[in-house]
Amino acid sequence: MGTFSAALGLENVTQCLQCSAGKYCGTEHLTAPTGDCAAGHYCIGGADTDTPGLAEPYVLDCAD
């Protein structure tokens, strides 16, 4: 999770793109990001949840 690709027939997750900053990719096999990060949160590239926390390596939580 945390990736997507509009290309079909890929053989490895390394062929996918990291989810875009401000977006999240919450499931596998996505052709586009799942959606925007939740209000009060900011996702840098590779987010796999819309409400990121500081423990996740690819996201920053700005809710404080």
C-alpha atoms as a PDB file:
ATOM      1  CA  MET A   1       0.000   0.000   0.000  1.00  0.00           C
ATOM      2  CA  GLY A   2       1.086   3.596  -0.411  1.00  0.00           C
ATOM      3  CA  THR A   3       1.525   3.163  -4.174  1.00  0.00           C
ATOM      4  CA  PHE A   4      -0.517   3.258  -7.386  1.00  0.00           C
ATOM      5  CA  SER A   5      -0.093   3.001 -11.158  1.00  0.00           C
ATOM      6  CA  ALA A   6      -2.303   3.686 -14.159  1.00  0.00           C
ATOM      7  CA  ALA A   7      -0.326   1.072 -16.110  1.00  0.00           C
ATOM      8  CA  LEU A   8      -1.823  -2.405 -16.261  1.00  0.00           C
ATOM      9  CA  GLY A   9       0.018  -5.727 -16.197  1.00  0.00           C
ATOM     10  CA  LEU A  10       2.794  -4.737 -13.825  1.00  0.00           C
ATOM     11  CA  GLU A  11       4.697  -7.617 -12.271  1.00  0.00           C
ATOM     12  CA  ASN A  12       6.198  -5.999  -9.171  1.00  0.00           C
ATOM     13  CA  VAL A  13       5.161  -3.285  -6.692  1.00  0.00           C
ATOM     14  CA  THR A  14       8.455  -1.527  -7.438  1.00  0.00           C
ATOM     15  CA  GLN A  15       6.968  -0.611 -10.822  1.00  0.00           C
ATOM     16  CA  CYS A  16       4.264   1.472  -9.105  1.00  0.00           C
ATOM     17  CA  LEU A  17       4.436   5.147  -8.214  1.00  0.00           C
ATOM     18  CA  GLN A  18       4.587   6.357  -4.630  1.00  0.00           C
ATOM     19  CA  CYS A  19       1.281   7.935  -3.595  1.00  0.00           C
ATOM     20  CA  SER A  20       1.290  11.685  -4.232  1.00  0.00           C
ATOM     21  CA  ALA A  21       1.866  14.238  -1.462  1.00  0.00           C
ATOM     22  CA  GLY A  22      -1.464  15.317   0.049  1.00  0.00           C
ATOM     23  CA  LYS A  23      -3.094  12.034  -1.031  1.00  0.00           C
ATOM     24  CA  TYR A  24      -3.175   8.514   0.355  1.00  0.00           C
ATOM     25  CA  CYS A  25      -3.268   5.064  -1.263  1.00  0.00           C
ATOM     26  CA  GLY A  26      -5.160   2.851   1.158  1.00  0.00           C
ATOM     27  CA  THR A  27      -5.431  -0.465  -0.705  1.00  0.00           C
ATOM     28  CA  GLU A  28      -3.506  -2.557  -3.203  1.00  0.00           C
ATOM     29  CA  HIS A  29      -4.019  -2.575  -6.986  1.00  0.00           C
ATOM     30  CA  LEU A  30      -4.897   1.129  -7.303  1.00  0.00           C
ATOM     31  CA  THR A  31      -4.847   3.003 -10.604  1.00  0.00           C
ATOM     32  CA  ALA A  32      -5.062   6.370  -8.781  1.00  0.00           C
ATOM     33  CA  PRO A  33      -4.710   7.577  -5.170  1.00  0.00           C
ATOM     34  CA  THR A  34      -7.622   6.641  -2.882  1.00  0.00           C
ATOM     35  CA  GLY A  35      -8.252  10.277  -1.941  1.00  0.00           C
ATOM     36  CA  ASP A  36      -7.123  13.347  -0.039  1.00  0.00           C
ATOM     37  CA  CYS A  37      -5.675  13.196   3.453  1.00  0.00           C
ATOM     38  CA  ALA A  38      -8.100  14.105   6.240  1.00  0.00           C
ATOM     39  CA  ALA A  39      -8.483  17.703   7.386  1.00  0.00           C
ATOM     40  CA  GLY A  40      -5.748  18.600   9.864  1.00  0.00           C
ATOM     41  CA  HIS A  41      -3.353  15.975   8.468  1.00  0.00           C
ATOM     42  CA  TYR A  42      -0.706  16.225   5.778  1.00  0.00           C
ATOM     43  CA  CYS A  43       0.575  13.220   3.876  1.00  0.00           C
ATOM     44  CA  ILE A  44       3.936  13.307   2.187  1.00  0.00           C
ATOM     45  CA  GLY A  45       4.584  10.819  -0.613  1.00  0.00           C
ATOM     46  CA  GLY A  46       3.761   7.185   0.085  1.00  0.00           C
ATOM     47  CA  ALA A  47       0.956   7.614   2.641  1.00  0.00           C
ATOM     48  CA  ASP A  48      -1.350   4.614   3.094  1.00  0.00           C
ATOM     49  CA  THR A  49      -3.899   6.228   5.440  1.00  0.00           C
ATOM     50  CA  ASP A  50      -5.832   9.509   5.351  1.00  0.00           C
ATOM     51  CA  THR A  51      -5.048  10.189   9.023  1.00  0.00           C
ATOM     52  CA  PRO A  52      -1.292   9.692   9.288  1.00  0.00           C
ATOM     53  CA  GLY A  53       0.584   9.586  12.568  1.00  0.00           C
ATOM     54  CA  LEU A  54       4.158  10.447  13.426  1.00  0.00           C
ATOM     55  CA  ALA A  55       5.091   6.765  13.835  1.00  0.00           C
ATOM     56  CA  GLU A  56       4.644   6.164  10.100  1.00  0.00           C
ATOM     57  CA  PRO A  57       7.815   6.780   8.074  1.00  0.00           C
ATOM     58  CA  TYR A  58       6.229   8.592   5.112  1.00  0.00           C
ATOM     59  CA  VAL A  59       3.770  10.961   6.753  1.00  0.00           C
ATOM     60  CA  LEU A  60       3.565  14.014   8.964  1.00  0.00           C
ATOM     61  CA  ASP A  61       0.699  14.694  11.380  1.00  0.00           C
ATOM     62  CA  CYS A  62      -0.210  18.393  11.572  1.00  0.00           C
ATOM     63  CA  ALA A  63      -3.325  17.997  13.742  1.00  0.00           C
ATOM     64  CA  ASP A  64      -1.724  19.405  16.904  1.00  0.00           C
END
